[in-house]
PDB file of N, CA and C in Angstrom:
ATOM      1  N   MET A   1     -24.327  12.711   7.242  1.00  0.00           N
ATOM      2  CA  MET A   1     -23.177  12.636   8.109  1.00  0.00           C
ATOM      3  C   MET A   1     -23.400  13.449   9.382  1.00  0.00           C
ATOM      4  N   LYS A   2     -24.028  14.574   9.204  1.00  0.00           N
ATOM      5  CA  LYS A   2     -24.272  15.449  10.346  1.00  0.00           C
ATOM      6  C   LYS A   2     -25.046  14.703  11.434  1.00  0.00           C
ATOM      7  N   ASP A   3     -26.104  14.001  11.036  1.00  0.00           N
ATOM      8  CA  ASP A   3     -26.924  13.280  12.008  1.00  0.00           C
ATOM      9  C   ASP A   3     -26.215  12.039  12.553  1.00  0.00           C
ATOM     10  N   ILE A   4     -25.528  11.338  11.672  1.00  0.00           N
ATOM     11  CA  ILE A   4     -24.850  10.106  12.091  1.00  0.00           C
ATOM     12  C   ILE A   4     -23.803  10.389  13.163  1.00  0.00           C
ATOM     13  N   TYR A   5     -23.023  11.457  12.970  1.00  0.00           N
ATOM     14  CA  TYR A   5     -21.930  11.768  13.891  1.00  0.00           C
ATOM     15  C   TYR A   5     -22.257  12.915  14.844  1.00  0.00           C
ATOM     16  N   ASP A   6     -23.521  13.334  14.868  1.00  0.00           N
ATOM     17  CA  ASP A   6     -23.978  14.390  15.773  1.00  0.00           C
ATOM     18  C   ASP A   6     -23.103  15.644  15.658  1.00  0.00           C
ATOM     19  N   LEU A   7     -22.948  16.109  14.428  1.00  0.00           N
ATOM     20  CA  LEU A   7     -22.133  17.295  14.163  1.00  0.00           C
ATOM     21  C   LEU A   7     -22.991  18.555  14.226  1.00  0.00           C
ATOM     22  N   ASP A   8     -22.350  19.690  14.461  1.00  0.00           N
ATOM     23  CA  ASP A   8     -23.058  20.966  14.488  1.00  0.00           C
ATOM     24  C   ASP A   8     -23.495  21.409  13.098  1.00  0.00           C
ATOM     25  N   ARG A   9     -22.732  21.038  12.084  1.00  0.00           N
ATOM     26  CA  ARG A   9     -23.055  21.421  10.711  1.00  0.00           C
ATOM     27  C   ARG A   9     -22.638  20.307   9.763  1.00  0.00           C
ATOM     28  N   GLU A  10     -23.116  20.406   8.546  1.00  0.00           N
ATOM     29  CA  GLU A  10     -22.766  19.408   7.528  1.00  0.00           C
ATOM     30  C   GLU A  10     -21.268  19.504   7.227  1.00  0.00           C
ATOM     31  N   PRO A  11     -20.571  18.372   7.120  1.00  0.00           N
ATOM     32  CA  PRO A  11     -19.148  18.422   6.764  1.00  0.00           C
ATOM     33  C   PRO A  11     -18.991  18.736   5.277  1.00  0.00           C
ATOM     34  N   CYS A  12     -17.854  19.268   4.913  1.00  0.00           N
ATOM     35  CA  CYS A  12     -17.562  19.457   3.494  1.00  0.00           C
ATOM     36  C   CYS A  12     -16.620  18.340   3.065  1.00  0.00           C
ATOM     37  N   PHE A  13     -16.708  17.965   1.835  1.00  0.00           N
ATOM     38  CA  PHE A  13     -15.895  16.875   1.318  1.00  0.00           C
ATOM     39  C   PHE A  13     -14.989  17.400   0.216  1.00  0.00           C
ATOM     40  N   LEU A  14     -13.762  16.949   0.235  1.00  0.00           N
ATOM     41  CA  LEU A  14     -12.807  17.329  -0.800  1.00  0.00           C
ATOM     42  C   LEU A  14     -12.932  16.365  -1.963  1.00  0.00           C
ATOM     43  N   SER A  15     -12.800  16.888  -3.150  1.00  0.00           N
ATOM     44  CA  SER A  15     -12.839  16.010  -4.317  1.00  0.00           C
ATOM     45  C   SER A  15     -11.531  15.230  -4.404  1.00  0.00           C
ATOM     46  N   ASN A  16     -11.543  14.177  -5.178  1.00  0.00           N
ATOM     47  CA  ASN A  16     -10.358  13.356  -5.371  1.00  0.00           C
ATOM     48  C   ASN A  16      -9.326  14.145  -6.171  1.00  0.00           C
ATOM     49  N   PRO A  17      -8.107  14.350  -5.626  1.00  0.00           N
ATOM     50  CA  PRO A  17      -7.106  15.126  -6.364  1.00  0.00           C
ATOM     51  C   PRO A  17      -6.466  14.355  -7.522  1.00  0.00           C
ATOM     52  N   VAL A  18      -6.792  13.088  -7.652  1.00  0.00           N
ATOM     53  CA  VAL A  18      -6.224  12.265  -8.716  1.00  0.00           C
ATOM     54  C   VAL A  18      -7.217  12.207  -9.870  1.00  0.00           C
ATOM     55  N   ILE A  19      -6.746  12.498 -11.041  1.00  0.00           N
ATOM     56  CA  ILE A  19      -7.607  12.411 -12.223  1.00  0.00           C
ATOM     57  C   ILE A  19      -7.623  10.955 -12.678  1.00  0.00           C
ATOM     58  N   LEU A  20      -8.780  10.349 -12.630  1.00  0.00           N
ATOM     59  CA  LEU A  20      -8.906   8.945 -13.005  1.00  0.00           C
ATOM     60  C   LEU A  20      -9.064   8.817 -14.516  1.00  0.00           C
ATOM     61  N   PRO A  21      -8.447   7.797 -15.098  1.00  0.00           N
ATOM     62  CA  PRO A  21      -8.568   7.621 -16.550  1.00  0.00           C
ATOM     63  C   PRO A  21      -9.995   7.240 -16.932  1.00  0.00           C
ATOM     64  N   LYS A  22     -10.399   7.662 -18.104  1.00  0.00           N
ATOM     65  CA  LYS A  22     -11.748   7.346 -18.581  1.00  0.00           C
ATOM     66  C   LYS A  22     -11.855   5.875 -18.981  1.00  0.00           C
ATOM     67  N   ASP A  23     -10.789   5.344 -19.557  1.00  0.00           N
ATOM     68  CA  ASP A  23     -10.784   3.949 -19.981  1.00  0.00           C
ATOM     69  C   ASP A  23     -10.170   3.069 -18.899  1.00  0.00           C
ATOM     70  N   ARG A  24     -10.597   1.845 -18.873  1.00  0.00           N
ATOM     71  CA  ARG A  24     -10.061   0.884 -17.916  1.00  0.00           C
ATOM     72  C   ARG A  24      -8.610   0.550 -18.274  1.00  0.00           C
ATOM     73  N   PRO A  25      -7.685   0.610 -17.302  1.00  0.00           N
ATOM     74  CA  PRO A  25      -6.284   0.273 -17.606  1.00  0.00           C
ATOM     75  C   PRO A  25      -6.154  -1.195 -18.028  1.00  0.00           C
ATOM     76  N   LYS A  26      -5.163  -1.474 -18.849  1.00  0.00           N
ATOM     77  CA  LYS A  26      -4.918  -2.858 -19.264  1.00  0.00           C
ATOM     78  C   LYS A  26      -4.324  -3.634 -18.099  1.00  0.00           C
ATOM     79  N   LYS A  27      -4.788  -4.844 -17.928  1.00  0.00           N
ATOM     80  CA  LYS A  27      -4.289  -5.720 -16.874  1.00  0.00           C
ATOM     81  C   LYS A  27      -2.892  -6.205 -17.248  1.00  0.00           C
ATOM     82  N   SER A  28      -2.023  -6.291 -16.257  1.00  0.00           N
ATOM     83  CA  SER A  28      -0.668  -6.774 -16.469  1.00  0.00           C
ATOM     84  C   SER A  28      -0.702  -8.232 -16.924  1.00  0.00           C
ATOM     85  N   SER A  29       0.218  -8.604 -17.766  1.00  0.00           N
ATOM     86  CA  SER A  29       0.286  -9.997 -18.213  1.00  0.00           C
ATOM     87  C   SER A  29       0.927 -10.897 -17.162  1.00  0.00           C
ATOM     88  N   GLU A  30       1.630 -10.284 -16.214  1.00  0.00           N
ATOM     89  CA  GLU A  30       2.247 -11.058 -15.133  1.00  0.00           C
ATOM     90  C   GLU A  30       1.643 -10.631 -13.794  1.00  0.00           C
ATOM     91  N   PRO A  31       1.508 -11.578 -12.847  1.00  0.00           N
ATOM     92  CA  PRO A  31       0.971 -11.199 -11.534  1.00  0.00           C
ATOM     93  C   PRO A  31       1.966 -10.321 -10.771  1.00  0.00           C
ATOM     94  N   ILE A  32       1.438  -9.282 -10.121  1.00  0.00           N
ATOM     95  CA  ILE A  32       2.248  -8.385  -9.297  1.00  0.00           C
ATOM     96  C   ILE A  32       1.537  -8.206  -7.965  1.00  0.00           C
ATOM     97  N   ILE A  33       2.275  -8.393  -6.872  1.00  0.00           N
ATOM     98  CA  ILE A  33       1.729  -8.202  -5.532  1.00  0.00           C
ATOM     99  C   ILE A  33       2.473  -7.044  -4.893  1.00  0.00           C
ATOM    100  N   CYS A  34       1.711  -6.096  -4.352  1.00  0.00           N
ATOM    101  CA  CYS A  34       2.307  -4.859  -3.860  1.00  0.00           C
ATOM    102  C   CYS A  34       2.040  -4.653  -2.369  1.00  0.00           C
ATOM    103  N   PHE A  35       3.052  -4.190  -1.654  1.00  0.00           N
ATOM    104  CA  PHE A  35       2.945  -3.757  -0.255  1.00  0.00           C
ATOM    105  C   PHE A  35       3.135  -2.251  -0.307  1.00  0.00           C
ATOM    106  N   LEU A  36       2.090  -1.484  -0.007  1.00  0.00           N
ATOM    107  CA  LEU A  36       2.125  -0.038  -0.149  1.00  0.00           C
ATOM    108  C   LEU A  36       1.912   0.645   1.193  1.00  0.00           C
ATOM    109  N   GLY A  37       2.821   1.542   1.562  1.00  0.00           N
ATOM    110  CA  GLY A  37       2.679   2.307   2.799  1.00  0.00           C
ATOM    111  C   GLY A  37       3.971   2.320   3.593  1.00  0.00           C
ATOM    112  N   GLN A  38       3.903   2.893   4.779  1.00  0.00           N
ATOM    113  CA  GLN A  38       5.075   2.878   5.653  1.00  0.00           C
ATOM    114  C   GLN A  38       5.353   1.443   6.054  1.00  0.00           C
ATOM    115  N   ILE A  39       6.597   1.055   5.968  1.00  0.00           N
ATOM    116  CA  ILE A  39       6.965  -0.321   6.304  1.00  0.00           C
ATOM    117  C   ILE A  39       7.349  -0.338   7.781  1.00  0.00           C
ATOM    118  N   ARG A  40       6.424  -0.825   8.588  1.00  0.00           N
ATOM    119  CA  ARG A  40       6.599  -0.827  10.038  1.00  0.00           C
ATOM    120  C   ARG A  40       6.398  -2.237  10.557  1.00  0.00           C
ATOM    121  N   GLN A  41       6.954  -2.508  11.715  1.00  0.00           N
ATOM    122  CA  GLN A  41       6.852  -3.829  12.338  1.00  0.00           C
ATOM    123  C   GLN A  41       5.393  -4.235  12.542  1.00  0.00           C
ATOM    124  N   LYS A  42       4.549  -3.290  12.992  1.00  0.00           N
ATOM    125  CA  LYS A  42       3.156  -3.651  13.275  1.00  0.00           C
ATOM    126  C   LYS A  42       2.362  -3.997  12.014  1.00  0.00           C
ATOM    127  N   LYS A  43       2.888  -3.646  10.846  1.00  0.00           N
ATOM    128  CA  LYS A  43       2.232  -4.023   9.594  1.00  0.00           C
ATOM    129  C   LYS A  43       2.690  -5.392   9.095  1.00  0.00           C
ATOM    130  N   ARG A  44       3.610  -5.989   9.819  1.00  0.00           N
ATOM    131  CA  ARG A  44       4.096  -7.350   9.560  1.00  0.00           C
ATOM    132  C   ARG A  44       4.573  -7.562   8.118  1.00  0.00           C
ATOM    133  N   PRO A  45       5.689  -6.937   7.742  1.00  0.00           N
ATOM    134  CA  PRO A  45       6.197  -7.140   6.383  1.00  0.00           C
ATOM    135  C   PRO A  45       6.820  -8.523   6.174  1.00  0.00           C
ATOM    136  N   GLU A  46       7.118  -9.247   7.257  1.00  0.00           N
ATOM    137  CA  GLU A  46       7.778 -10.554   7.132  1.00  0.00           C
ATOM    138  C   GLU A  46       6.988 -11.554   6.300  1.00  0.00           C
ATOM    139  N   PRO A  47       5.660 -11.700   6.499  1.00  0.00           N
ATOM    140  CA  PRO A  47       4.925 -12.642   5.633  1.00  0.00           C
ATOM    141  C   PRO A  47       5.019 -12.276   4.152  1.00  0.00           C
ATOM    142  N   PHE A  48       5.058 -10.983   3.855  1.00  0.00           N
ATOM    143  CA  PHE A  48       5.207 -10.534   2.471  1.00  0.00           C
ATOM    144  C   PHE A  48       6.561 -10.989   1.924  1.00  0.00           C
ATOM    145  N   ILE A  49       7.602 -10.820   2.725  1.00  0.00           N
ATOM    146  CA  ILE A  49       8.948 -11.235   2.325  1.00  0.00           C
ATOM    147  C   ILE A  49       9.001 -12.745   2.123  1.00  0.00           C
ATOM    148  N   GLU A  50       8.404 -13.498   3.043  1.00  0.00           N
ATOM    149  CA  GLU A  50       8.405 -14.961   2.934  1.00  0.00           C
ATOM    150  C   GLU A  50       7.652 -15.433   1.693  1.00  0.00           C
ATOM    151  N   LEU A  51       6.524 -14.807   1.404  1.00  0.00           N
ATOM    152  CA  LEU A  51       5.782 -15.174   0.189  1.00  0.00           C
ATOM    153  C   LEU A  51       6.597 -14.879  -1.061  1.00  0.00           C
ATOM    154  N   ALA A  52       7.306 -13.759  -1.054  1.00  0.00           N
ATOM    155  CA  ALA A  52       8.144 -13.416  -2.205  1.00  0.00           C
ATOM    156  C   ALA A  52       9.236 -14.464  -2.419  1.00  0.00           C
ATOM    157  N   LYS A  53       9.781 -14.978  -1.331  1.00  0.00           N
ATOM    158  CA  LYS A  53      10.813 -16.025  -1.439  1.00  0.00           C
ATOM    159  C   LYS A  53      10.218 -17.337  -1.929  1.00  0.00           C
ATOM    160  N   ARG A  54       9.008 -17.652  -1.500  1.00  0.00           N
ATOM    161  CA  ARG A  54       8.370 -18.924  -1.877  1.00  0.00           C
ATOM    162  C   ARG A  54       7.861 -18.927  -3.312  1.00  0.00           C
ATOM    163  N   PHE A  55       7.572 -17.750  -3.848  1.00  0.00           N
ATOM    164  CA  PHE A  55       7.012 -17.662  -5.195  1.00  0.00           C
ATOM    165  C   PHE A  55       7.850 -16.726  -6.063  1.00  0.00           C
ATOM    166  N   PRO A  56       9.061 -17.159  -6.449  1.00  0.00           N
ATOM    167  CA  PRO A  56       9.959 -16.288  -7.226  1.00  0.00           C
ATOM    168  C   PRO A  56       9.425 -15.961  -8.622  1.00  0.00           C
ATOM    169  N   GLU A  57       8.465 -16.717  -9.114  1.00  0.00           N
ATOM    170  CA  GLU A  57       7.911 -16.449 -10.440  1.00  0.00           C
ATOM    171  C   GLU A  57       6.921 -15.279 -10.430  1.00  0.00           C
ATOM    172  N   ILE A  58       6.548 -14.821  -9.235  1.00  0.00           N
ATOM    173  CA  ILE A  58       5.625 -13.692  -9.095  1.00  0.00           C
ATOM    174  C   ILE A  58       6.414 -12.457  -8.678  1.00  0.00           C
ATOM    175  N   LYS A  59       6.062 -11.319  -9.241  1.00  0.00           N
ATOM    176  CA  LYS A  59       6.745 -10.067  -8.913  1.00  0.00           C
ATOM    177  C   LYS A  59       6.129  -9.461  -7.642  1.00  0.00           C
ATOM    178  N   PHE A  60       6.953  -9.261  -6.614  1.00  0.00           N
ATOM    179  CA  PHE A  60       6.546  -8.631  -5.366  1.00  0.00           C
ATOM    180  C   PHE A  60       7.233  -7.271  -5.280  1.00  0.00           C
ATOM    181  N   VAL A  61       6.475  -6.229  -4.942  1.00  0.00           N
ATOM    182  CA  VAL A  61       7.016  -4.872  -4.920  1.00  0.00           C
ATOM    183  C   VAL A  61       6.686  -4.197  -3.594  1.00  0.00           C
ATOM    184  N   PHE A  62       7.718  -3.666  -2.917  1.00  0.00           N
ATOM    185  CA  PHE A  62       7.532  -2.811  -1.746  1.00  0.00           C
ATOM    186  C   PHE A  62       7.496  -1.372  -2.234  1.00  0.00           C
ATOM    187  N   ILE A  63       6.482  -0.610  -1.844  1.00  0.00           N
ATOM    188  CA  ILE A  63       6.441   0.818  -2.137  1.00  0.00           C
ATOM    189  C   ILE A  63       6.240   1.521  -0.802  1.00  0.00           C
ATOM    190  N   GLY A  64       7.241   2.240  -0.373  1.00  0.00           N
ATOM    191  CA  GLY A  64       7.190   2.904   0.923  1.00  0.00           C
ATOM    192  C   GLY A  64       8.578   2.926   1.534  1.00  0.00           C
ATOM    193  N   ALA A  65       8.638   3.355   2.750  1.00  0.00           N
ATOM    194  CA  ALA A  65       9.929   3.441   3.427  1.00  0.00           C
ATOM    195  C   ALA A  65       9.817   2.837   4.818  1.00  0.00           C
ATOM    196  N   ALA A  66      10.910   2.276   5.269  1.00  0.00           N
ATOM    197  CA  ALA A  66      10.970   1.781   6.642  1.00  0.00           C
ATOM    198  C   ALA A  66      11.048   2.977   7.578  1.00  0.00           C
ATOM    199  N   MET A  67      10.566   2.811   8.782  1.00  0.00           N
ATOM    200  CA  MET A  67      10.537   3.915   9.741  1.00  0.00           C
ATOM    201  C   MET A  67      11.908   4.184  10.361  1.00  0.00           C
ATOM    202  N   THR A  68      12.802   3.222  10.268  1.00  0.00           N
ATOM    203  CA  THR A  68      14.142   3.386  10.834  1.00  0.00           C
ATOM    204  C   THR A  68      15.186   2.965   9.818  1.00  0.00           C
ATOM    205  N   ARG A  69      16.397   3.440   9.990  1.00  0.00           N
ATOM    206  CA  ARG A  69      17.509   3.044   9.104  1.00  0.00           C
ATOM    207  C   ARG A  69      17.758   1.547   9.222  1.00  0.00           C
ATOM    208  N   GLY A  70      17.694   1.022  10.446  1.00  0.00           N
ATOM    209  CA  GLY A  70      17.889  -0.414  10.646  1.00  0.00           C
ATOM    210  C   GLY A  70      16.825  -1.237   9.938  1.00  0.00           C
ATOM    211  N   GLY A  71      15.585  -0.751   9.955  1.00  0.00           N
ATOM    212  CA  GLY A  71      14.510  -1.446   9.259  1.00  0.00           C
ATOM    213  C   GLY A  71      14.723  -1.465   7.770  1.00  0.00           C
ATOM    214  N   ASP A  72      15.220  -0.384   7.253  1.00  0.00           N
ATOM    215  CA  ASP A  72      15.506  -0.294   5.814  1.00  0.00           C
ATOM    216  C   ASP A  72      16.606  -1.283   5.420  1.00  0.00           C
ATOM    217  N   VAL A  73      17.659  -1.338   6.225  1.00  0.00           N
ATOM    218  CA  VAL A  73      18.753  -2.276   5.959  1.00  0.00           C
ATOM    219  C   VAL A  73      18.256  -3.711   6.011  1.00  0.00           C
ATOM    220  N   TYR A  74      17.436  -4.029   7.005  1.00  0.00           N
ATOM    221  CA  TYR A  74      16.872  -5.371   7.165  1.00  0.00           C
ATOM    222  C   TYR A  74      16.073  -5.766   5.917  1.00  0.00           C
ATOM    223  N   LEU A  75      15.221  -4.878   5.460  1.00  0.00           N
ATOM    224  CA  LEU A  75      14.386  -5.187   4.297  1.00  0.00           C
ATOM    225  C   LEU A  75      15.215  -5.400   3.034  1.00  0.00           C
ATOM    226  N   ARG A  76      16.246  -4.595   2.872  1.00  0.00           N
ATOM    227  CA  ARG A  76      17.087  -4.734   1.673  1.00  0.00           C
ATOM    228  C   ARG A  76      17.870  -6.043   1.679  1.00  0.00           C
ATOM    229  N   LYS A  77      18.228  -6.555   2.852  1.00  0.00           N
ATOM    230  CA  LYS A  77      18.953  -7.832   2.943  1.00  0.00           C
ATOM    231  C   LYS A  77      18.031  -9.008   2.643  1.00  0.00           C
ATOM    232  N   ASN A  78      16.763  -8.867   2.968  1.00  0.00           N
ATOM    233  CA  ASN A  78      15.818  -9.982   2.828  1.00  0.00           C
ATOM    234  C   ASN A  78      15.035  -9.841   1.545  1.00  0.00           C
TER     235      ASN A  78
END
């Protein structure tokens, strides 16, 4: 990394703070599609909402918060 980014010294790396399970998690029996992160206009949540409406047999989950109160209200209505 030092050579690639022309750094003065080698960078230090933090370990992953999440303890990963030793065994592989069981796959869900039903399909789930997730939108994870801040819900902002530039991330285009509308296609996600439209897909959720078109495929009611699939579980769609928003995880995150809208950046504005108006955005939150909009998402809850749709």
